[in-house]
Amino acid sequence: MLKSPLVSIIIPIYNRPVNLTRAVNSVIEQTYSNWECIIVDDRSSDNTYEIACQLVLEDNRLKVLKNDRKIKNASVCRNIGLNYSQGEYIIFLDSDDYLLDHCLSSRINFVRNNIAKNFYVFANGYFENYPGDLERVRFVKKNQEFNFSQFLSGHYIWDIQNVMWNRQTLYKLNGFDEQFERLQDVEIHIRALSNFKDSYATSQVVDSLINISISRNNYKGEEFVLKVVRSYKKLFLSINSKTLQDPNFKYSIGIIKKFTTDLSVVDTDILKKVRNEVNDVYNSFKIRYRPKIRINLIQLVYKYYIRFYNFYGKRLIFKLIIRKLI
């Protein structure tokens, strides 16, 4: 490891000029100076690309690219950025999230004390309207087997910006799966934990912030919900085959629970439009397993939820019932 290795920060972007400026500024303000930041525009339909080009003029460590491939999603943009980057270590930052100014320096110091790991996971805080408006934080446990089981159970205990990757690790994983429209970070984290679960390190230093307001608003669009539904189906089928054949149903049942509770924030009008696709997910999941009773019960609750959505306390009751089924 070099004394001050180059860190590449890759930001995929689509139609978020204001968020992009905030995210890029959080990179520019880093106390660690040996970095490059690669912005990859996913063919935005507004002025996001133009804003990115203006930001690049402020610092020669900033670069902007455009997705010119046939497939259009964040995974493609991240792979484009990875192929263009030069850093020994890689961080993927979503445009709505934020790095605290000590992020890179604390991560490099941690790596120096934990050489030869495939990737490193760090704690994060949250914000809603502006960085610093929430005190909530999330720490990562050191128990590696626990972390793996959490992802397999549908509890996604870290996000894309929490991880700093050894460049060679990403090459071994062949980057992101570009067929995933959503859940791209979940998929690559499960794959990384499956392949390198004994070769990563976790830190309790909070060095980044996740914007929770964006994720809440996403589920208001039918197209977004459809992408989530299709990605869950693909996730079911792509998890390690040994896990999928687990007769105890210990882990993977949790993912169907997470899928169902994610639907609880979706308006009923949209749920009705995507009902066939949702039921296809449940049915594809049942095909892979012999013990189907729980899936049938969860699917029944989902149908009840659509039909009686206007009942008082609908979401709370829905989530409580789902929790009891697992």
Protein backbone atom coordinates (compact mmCIF):
# COMPACT_ATOMS: atom_id res chain seq x y z
CA MET A 1 0.00 0.00 0.00
CA LEU A 2 1.29 3.44 -0.93
CA LYS A 3 1.70 6.06 1.80
CA SER A 4 -1.16 8.12 0.36
CA PRO A 5 -3.00 5.87 -2.11
CA LEU A 6 -5.34 7.32 -4.68
CA VAL A 7 -9.02 6.89 -3.79
CA SER A 8 -11.58 6.95 -6.61
CA ILE A 9 -15.08 8.16 -5.73
CA ILE A 10 -17.67 7.23 -8.37
CA ILE A 11 -21.02 9.02 -8.48
CA PRO A 12 -23.78 7.80 -10.83
CA ILE A 13 -26.29 10.56 -11.53
CA TYR A 14 -29.68 10.98 -13.17
CA ASN A 15 -31.79 14.16 -13.01
CA ARG A 16 -30.50 15.39 -9.65
CA PRO A 17 -28.52 18.61 -10.21
CA VAL A 18 -29.02 20.03 -6.70
CA ASN A 19 -28.14 16.77 -4.95
CA LEU A 20 -25.11 16.31 -7.20
CA THR A 21 -23.68 19.68 -6.21
CA ARG A 22 -24.01 18.85 -2.51
CA ALA A 23 -22.45 15.40 -2.93
CA VAL A 24 -19.53 16.72 -5.00
CA ASN A 25 -18.88 19.52 -2.51
CA SER A 26 -18.65 16.92 0.25
CA VAL A 27 -15.85 15.27 -1.75
CA ILE A 28 -14.03 18.54 -2.46
CA GLU A 29 -14.05 19.38 1.26
CA GLN A 30 -12.19 16.19 2.23
CA THR A 31 -9.13 16.68 4.45
CA TYR A 32 -7.43 13.85 2.52
CA SER A 33 -6.32 15.24 -0.82
CA ASN A 34 -5.27 12.29 -2.99
CA TRP A 35 -8.60 11.45 -4.60
CA GLU A 36 -10.38 11.57 -7.92
CA CYS A 37 -14.13 11.89 -8.33
CA ILE A 38 -15.79 10.47 -11.43
CA ILE A 39 -19.35 11.59 -12.17
CA VAL A 40 -21.19 9.32 -14.62
CA ASP A 41 -24.40 10.77 -16.04
CA ASP A 42 -27.09 8.22 -16.96
CA ARG A 43 -28.35 10.34 -19.89
CA SER A 44 -30.26 12.82 -17.73
CA SER A 45 -33.23 14.57 -19.33
CA ASP A 46 -32.68 17.86 -17.47
CA ASN A 47 -29.59 20.03 -16.98
CA THR A 48 -27.77 17.61 -14.64
CA TYR A 49 -25.02 16.83 -17.16
CA GLU A 50 -24.41 20.53 -17.78
CA ILE A 51 -24.18 21.16 -14.03
CA ALA A 52 -21.69 18.29 -13.75
CA CYS A 53 -19.56 19.82 -16.51
CA GLN A 54 -19.53 23.14 -14.63
CA LEU A 55 -18.48 21.44 -11.40
CA VAL A 56 -15.54 19.77 -13.15
CA LEU A 57 -14.11 23.21 -13.95
CA GLU A 58 -13.74 23.93 -10.23
CA ASP A 59 -11.29 21.11 -9.49
CA ASN A 60 -9.11 19.07 -11.85
CA ARG A 61 -9.65 16.00 -9.69
CA LEU A 62 -13.26 15.93 -10.89
CA LYS A 63 -14.19 14.15 -14.11
CA VAL A 64 -17.52 13.69 -15.87
CA LEU A 65 -18.56 10.87 -18.20
CA LYS A 66 -21.83 9.94 -19.88
CA ASN A 67 -23.40 6.49 -20.16
CA ASP A 68 -23.30 5.69 -23.87
CA ARG A 69 -24.25 2.01 -23.52
CA LYS A 70 -27.54 0.39 -24.49
CA ILE A 71 -28.53 -0.46 -20.89
CA LYS A 72 -29.37 2.53 -18.73
CA ASN A 73 -29.11 2.25 -14.94
CA ALA A 74 -26.85 3.06 -11.98
CA SER A 75 -24.98 -0.26 -12.20
CA VAL A 76 -23.86 0.50 -15.73
CA CYS A 77 -22.72 3.95 -14.64
CA ARG A 78 -20.76 2.51 -11.71
CA ASN A 79 -19.03 0.00 -13.98
CA ILE A 80 -18.17 2.75 -16.48
CA GLY A 81 -16.68 4.79 -13.65
CA LEU A 82 -14.77 1.79 -12.32
CA ASN A 83 -13.22 1.05 -15.71
CA TYR A 84 -12.17 4.69 -16.10
CA SER A 85 -10.86 5.14 -12.56
CA GLN A 86 -7.23 4.86 -11.47
CA GLY A 87 -7.55 4.55 -7.69
CA GLU A 88 -6.19 1.74 -5.56
CA TYR A 89 -9.37 2.01 -3.49
CA ILE A 90 -12.91 2.67 -4.71
CA ILE A 91 -15.93 4.30 -3.05
CA PHE A 92 -19.35 4.47 -4.72
CA LEU A 93 -21.34 7.50 -3.61
CA ASP A 94 -24.98 8.05 -4.54
CA SER A 95 -25.75 11.60 -5.59
CA ASP A 96 -28.20 12.18 -2.72
CA ASP A 97 -25.75 11.09 0.01
CA TYR A 98 -22.87 12.90 1.68
CA LEU A 99 -19.31 12.29 2.90
CA LEU A 100 -18.19 13.94 6.12
CA ASP A 101 -14.93 15.86 5.68
CA HIS A 102 -12.85 13.27 7.58
CA CYS A 103 -14.24 10.32 5.58
CA LEU A 104 -11.28 9.56 3.32
CA SER A 105 -8.58 10.27 5.92
CA SER A 106 -10.24 8.02 8.52
CA ARG A 107 -10.78 5.27 5.97
CA ILE A 108 -7.18 5.31 4.79
CA ASN A 109 -5.94 5.26 8.40
CA PHE A 110 -8.18 2.27 9.08
CA VAL A 111 -6.89 0.46 5.99
CA ARG A 112 -3.30 0.99 7.12
CA ASN A 113 -4.14 -0.97 10.27
CA ASN A 114 -6.03 -3.67 8.38
CA ILE A 115 -3.94 -4.41 5.31
CA ALA A 116 -4.83 -7.16 2.81
CA LYS A 117 -8.60 -7.06 3.20
CA ASN A 118 -10.90 -7.26 0.20
CA PHE A 119 -13.18 -4.47 1.38
CA TYR A 120 -13.88 -2.26 4.39
CA VAL A 121 -17.22 -1.25 5.90
CA PHE A 122 -17.82 1.96 7.88
CA ALA A 123 -20.65 3.36 10.00
CA ASN A 124 -22.98 6.11 8.78
CA GLY A 125 -25.40 8.76 9.97
CA TYR A 126 -28.55 10.09 8.32
CA PHE A 127 -30.05 13.40 7.24
CA GLU A 128 -33.40 14.45 5.82
CA ASN A 129 -33.34 18.06 4.68
CA TYR A 130 -29.69 19.00 5.19
CA PRO A 131 -26.56 17.30 6.61
CA GLY A 132 -26.60 17.46 10.39
CA ASP A 133 -30.36 17.68 10.94
CA LEU A 134 -30.61 14.12 12.38
CA GLU A 135 -28.64 12.47 15.18
CA ARG A 136 -29.49 8.90 14.17
CA VAL A 137 -26.49 6.66 13.35
CA ARG A 138 -25.97 3.08 12.23
CA PHE A 139 -23.01 0.96 13.29
CA VAL A 140 -21.75 -2.23 11.66
CA LYS A 141 -21.18 -5.33 13.77
CA LYS A 142 -17.83 -7.11 13.65
CA ASN A 143 -19.46 -10.56 13.56
CA GLN A 144 -18.96 -11.52 9.92
CA GLU A 145 -21.27 -14.52 9.96
CA PHE A 146 -24.00 -12.35 11.49
CA ASN A 147 -23.57 -9.69 8.80
CA PHE A 148 -23.89 -12.27 6.02
CA SER A 149 -27.00 -13.80 7.58
CA GLN A 150 -28.53 -10.34 7.93
CA PHE A 151 -28.24 -9.65 4.21
CA LEU A 152 -29.64 -13.09 3.39
CA SER A 153 -32.54 -12.42 5.77
CA GLY A 154 -33.52 -9.17 4.06
CA HIS A 155 -31.88 -6.85 6.61
CA TYR A 156 -29.54 -4.66 4.57
CA ILE A 157 -27.25 -3.40 7.30
CA TRP A 158 -25.08 -1.13 5.16
CA ASP A 159 -25.42 0.82 1.93
CA ILE A 160 -23.30 1.56 -1.09
CA GLN A 161 -21.27 4.46 0.35
CA ASN A 162 -20.46 2.54 3.58
CA VAL A 163 -17.95 0.37 1.71
CA MET A 164 -14.45 1.13 0.50
CA TRP A 165 -13.34 -1.52 -1.97
CA ASN A 166 -9.95 -2.84 -2.84
CA ARG A 167 -9.87 -2.34 -6.59
CA GLN A 168 -8.85 -5.93 -7.31
CA THR A 169 -11.83 -7.20 -5.32
CA LEU A 170 -14.24 -5.46 -7.68
CA TYR A 171 -12.44 -7.00 -10.65
CA LYS A 172 -12.77 -10.45 -9.06
CA LEU A 173 -16.51 -9.81 -8.66
CA ASN A 174 -16.77 -8.57 -12.27
CA GLY A 175 -18.25 -5.32 -10.99
CA PHE A 176 -21.98 -4.69 -10.67
CA ASP A 177 -24.62 -6.88 -12.28
CA GLU A 178 -26.01 -4.53 -14.94
CA GLN A 179 -29.26 -6.49 -15.24
CA PHE A 180 -30.43 -5.26 -11.84
CA GLU A 181 -32.64 -2.17 -12.15
CA ARG A 182 -32.77 -1.70 -8.36
CA LEU A 183 -31.15 -3.42 -5.33
CA GLN A 184 -27.81 -3.23 -7.12
CA ASP A 185 -25.89 -2.55 -3.93
CA VAL A 186 -27.69 -5.36 -2.07
CA GLU A 187 -26.81 -7.82 -4.83
CA ILE A 188 -23.10 -6.97 -4.95
CA HIS A 189 -22.83 -6.93 -1.14
CA ILE A 190 -24.37 -10.41 -0.91
CA ARG A 191 -22.00 -11.59 -3.63
CA ALA A 192 -19.00 -10.04 -1.88
CA LEU A 193 -19.96 -11.52 1.48
CA SER A 194 -20.45 -14.92 -0.14
CA ASN A 195 -17.01 -14.84 -1.76
CA PHE A 196 -14.98 -12.89 0.83
CA LYS A 197 -16.92 -13.14 4.10
CA ASP A 198 -13.74 -13.86 6.06
CA SER A 199 -11.69 -11.13 4.42
CA TYR A 200 -13.16 -7.74 5.24
CA ALA A 201 -12.98 -5.36 8.17
CA THR A 202 -15.54 -3.11 9.86
CA SER A 203 -15.05 0.27 11.53
CA GLN A 204 -17.33 2.08 13.98
CA VAL A 205 -16.30 5.52 12.74
CA VAL A 206 -19.27 7.46 11.33
CA ASP A 207 -17.96 9.11 8.16
CA SER A 208 -20.92 9.45 5.77
CA LEU A 209 -24.59 10.46 5.78
CA ILE A 210 -27.54 8.88 3.96
CA ASN A 211 -30.43 11.04 2.75
CA ILE A 212 -33.61 9.30 3.96
CA SER A 213 -36.04 11.69 2.24
CA ILE A 214 -35.19 10.46 -1.28
CA SER A 215 -35.96 6.80 -0.57
CA ARG A 216 -39.34 7.72 0.92
CA ASN A 217 -40.47 9.55 -2.20
CA ASN A 218 -39.25 6.99 -4.75
CA TYR A 219 -42.13 4.57 -4.18
CA LYS A 220 -44.68 7.08 -5.47
CA GLY A 221 -43.98 6.17 -9.11
CA GLU A 222 -45.29 3.08 -10.88
CA GLU A 223 -42.15 2.65 -12.99
CA PHE A 224 -39.91 2.72 -9.91
CA VAL A 225 -42.09 0.16 -8.10
CA LEU A 226 -41.99 -2.15 -11.12
CA LYS A 227 -38.19 -1.95 -11.18
CA VAL A 228 -38.08 -2.87 -7.49
CA VAL A 229 -40.45 -5.81 -8.02
CA ARG A 230 -38.45 -7.18 -10.96
CA SER A 231 -35.18 -6.78 -9.06
CA TYR A 232 -36.50 -8.67 -6.04
CA LYS A 233 -37.44 -11.55 -8.31
CA LYS A 234 -33.96 -11.58 -9.81
CA LEU A 235 -32.41 -11.37 -6.34
CA PHE A 236 -34.33 -14.47 -5.23
CA LEU A 237 -32.93 -16.40 -8.17
CA SER A 238 -29.35 -15.13 -7.96
CA ILE A 239 -28.52 -15.78 -4.29
CA ASN A 240 -26.08 -18.59 -3.66
CA SER A 241 -27.79 -21.87 -4.61
CA LYS A 242 -26.81 -23.51 -1.34
CA THR A 243 -28.79 -20.88 0.54
CA LEU A 244 -31.76 -21.27 -1.76
CA GLN A 245 -31.88 -25.00 -1.03
CA ASP A 246 -31.84 -24.52 2.74
CA PRO A 247 -34.65 -26.81 3.98
CA ASN A 248 -34.94 -24.85 7.23
CA PHE A 249 -36.05 -21.78 5.35
CA LYS A 250 -33.94 -19.87 7.85
CA TYR A 251 -32.64 -16.94 5.86
CA SER A 252 -34.31 -16.39 2.54
CA ILE A 253 -37.82 -16.12 3.99
CA GLY A 254 -36.66 -12.78 5.38
CA ILE A 255 -36.20 -11.35 1.90
CA ILE A 256 -39.83 -12.01 1.02
CA LYS A 257 -40.75 -10.27 4.27
CA LYS A 258 -38.60 -7.26 3.29
CA PHE A 259 -40.17 -7.25 -0.16
CA THR A 260 -43.66 -7.24 1.33
CA THR A 261 -42.97 -4.53 3.88
CA ASP A 262 -41.39 -2.38 1.15
CA LEU A 263 -44.74 -2.55 -0.63
CA SER A 264 -46.46 -1.09 2.44
CA VAL A 265 -45.35 2.43 1.44
CA VAL A 266 -46.80 2.12 -2.07
CA ASP A 267 -50.16 3.73 -2.89
CA THR A 268 -52.93 1.23 -3.54
CA ASP A 269 -53.57 2.58 -7.03
CA ILE A 270 -50.01 1.63 -7.99
CA LEU A 271 -50.23 -1.70 -6.16
CA LYS A 272 -53.28 -2.62 -8.16
CA LYS A 273 -51.47 -1.85 -11.43
CA VAL A 274 -48.45 -3.99 -10.53
CA ARG A 275 -50.43 -6.78 -8.80
CA ASN A 276 -49.61 -9.39 -11.46
CA GLU A 277 -45.89 -8.66 -11.27
CA VAL A 278 -45.95 -8.81 -7.46
CA ASN A 279 -47.77 -12.14 -7.43
CA ASP A 280 -45.24 -13.42 -9.96
CA VAL A 281 -42.51 -12.70 -7.41
CA TYR A 282 -44.34 -14.64 -4.70
CA ASN A 283 -44.97 -17.53 -7.06
CA SER A 284 -41.37 -17.66 -8.31
CA PHE A 285 -40.21 -17.72 -4.72
CA LYS A 286 -42.56 -20.61 -3.87
CA ILE A 287 -41.30 -22.63 -6.82
CA ARG A 288 -37.82 -22.68 -5.28
CA TYR A 289 -39.00 -23.99 -1.91
CA ARG A 290 -40.99 -26.94 -0.59
CA PRO A 291 -42.29 -25.30 2.64
CA LYS A 292 -44.77 -22.82 1.12
CA ILE A 293 -47.11 -22.18 4.04
CA ARG A 294 -45.46 -18.94 5.16
CA ILE A 295 -45.25 -17.54 1.65
CA ASN A 296 -48.93 -18.32 1.14
CA LEU A 297 -49.81 -16.51 4.37
CA ILE A 298 -47.70 -13.47 3.48
CA GLN A 299 -49.22 -13.37 0.02
CA LEU A 300 -52.69 -13.52 1.57
CA VAL A 301 -51.86 -10.59 3.86
CA TYR A 302 -50.61 -8.64 0.85
CA LYS A 303 -53.92 -9.21 -0.96
CA TYR A 304 -55.82 -8.19 2.17
CA TYR A 305 -53.73 -5.05 2.38
CA ILE A 306 -54.66 -3.95 -1.15
CA ARG A 307 -58.32 -4.66 -0.64
CA PHE A 308 -58.70 -2.94 2.74
CA TYR A 309 -56.05 -0.23 2.35
CA ASN A 310 -58.33 2.52 3.70
CA PHE A 311 -58.84 0.76 7.03
CA TYR A 312 -57.64 2.84 10.00
CA GLY A 313 -54.09 2.01 11.04
CA LYS A 314 -53.57 0.02 7.84
CA ARG A 315 -49.78 0.22 7.57
CA LEU A 316 -49.05 -0.43 11.23
CA ILE A 317 -51.36 -3.45 11.31
CA PHE A 318 -49.91 -4.72 8.03
CA LYS A 319 -46.34 -4.57 9.30
CA LEU A 320 -47.23 -6.17 12.62
CA ILE A 321 -48.89 -9.12 10.89
CA ILE A 322 -45.92 -9.61 8.54
CA ARG A 323 -43.53 -9.51 11.49
CA LYS A 324 -45.48 -12.24 13.27
CA LEU A 325 -45.33 -14.50 10.22
CA ILE A 326 -41.55 -14.66 10.25
